[in-house]
């Protein structure tokens, strides 16, 4: 069964775009007030 799209994480780095990672890191603050999420490689 596929996960709902609300739980799908994608690396915010335009050069990466990975959808799976062992660990997610907080990047910069977005205009929305949320934080960009980066995969463990970025």
Protein backbone atom coordinates (compact mmCIF):
# COMPACT_ATOMS: atom_id res chain seq x y z
CA UNK A 1 0.00 0.00 0.00
CA UNK A 2 1.41 3.40 -0.97
CA UNK A 3 1.91 6.10 1.62
CA UNK A 4 -0.34 9.16 1.40
CA UNK A 5 1.29 12.06 -0.42
CA UNK A 6 1.19 14.13 2.77
CA UNK A 7 3.87 11.83 4.25
CA UNK A 8 6.13 11.76 1.16
CA UNK A 9 9.35 13.65 1.78
CA UNK A 10 11.52 14.88 -1.06
CA UNK A 11 14.91 16.49 -0.61
CA UNK A 12 14.57 20.23 -1.19
CA UNK A 13 17.92 20.48 -2.98
CA UNK A 14 17.23 21.01 -6.71
CA UNK A 15 20.31 18.93 -7.59
CA UNK A 16 19.16 15.94 -5.53
CA UNK A 17 15.41 15.34 -5.15
CA UNK A 18 15.86 12.07 -3.21
CA UNK A 19 12.67 10.66 -1.75
CA UNK A 20 14.26 8.36 0.81
CA UNK A 21 16.84 9.03 3.45
CA UNK A 22 17.90 7.53 6.76
CA UNK A 23 17.98 10.97 8.31
CA UNK A 24 16.47 14.32 7.32
CA UNK A 25 18.15 17.63 8.11
CA UNK A 26 16.62 21.07 8.46
CA UNK A 27 17.89 23.54 5.90
CA UNK A 28 16.84 27.15 5.43
CA UNK A 29 13.57 28.83 6.37
CA UNK A 30 11.02 29.01 3.55
CA UNK A 31 8.69 31.95 2.86
CA UNK A 32 5.86 29.86 4.32
CA UNK A 33 7.72 29.75 7.64
CA UNK A 34 8.48 26.03 7.34
CA UNK A 35 12.00 24.65 7.10
CA UNK A 36 13.44 23.08 3.95
CA UNK A 37 14.19 19.39 4.50
CA UNK A 38 17.42 17.93 3.13
CA UNK A 39 18.42 14.28 2.84
CA UNK A 40 21.47 12.90 4.62
CA UNK A 41 23.58 13.20 1.43
CA UNK A 42 22.95 16.94 1.11
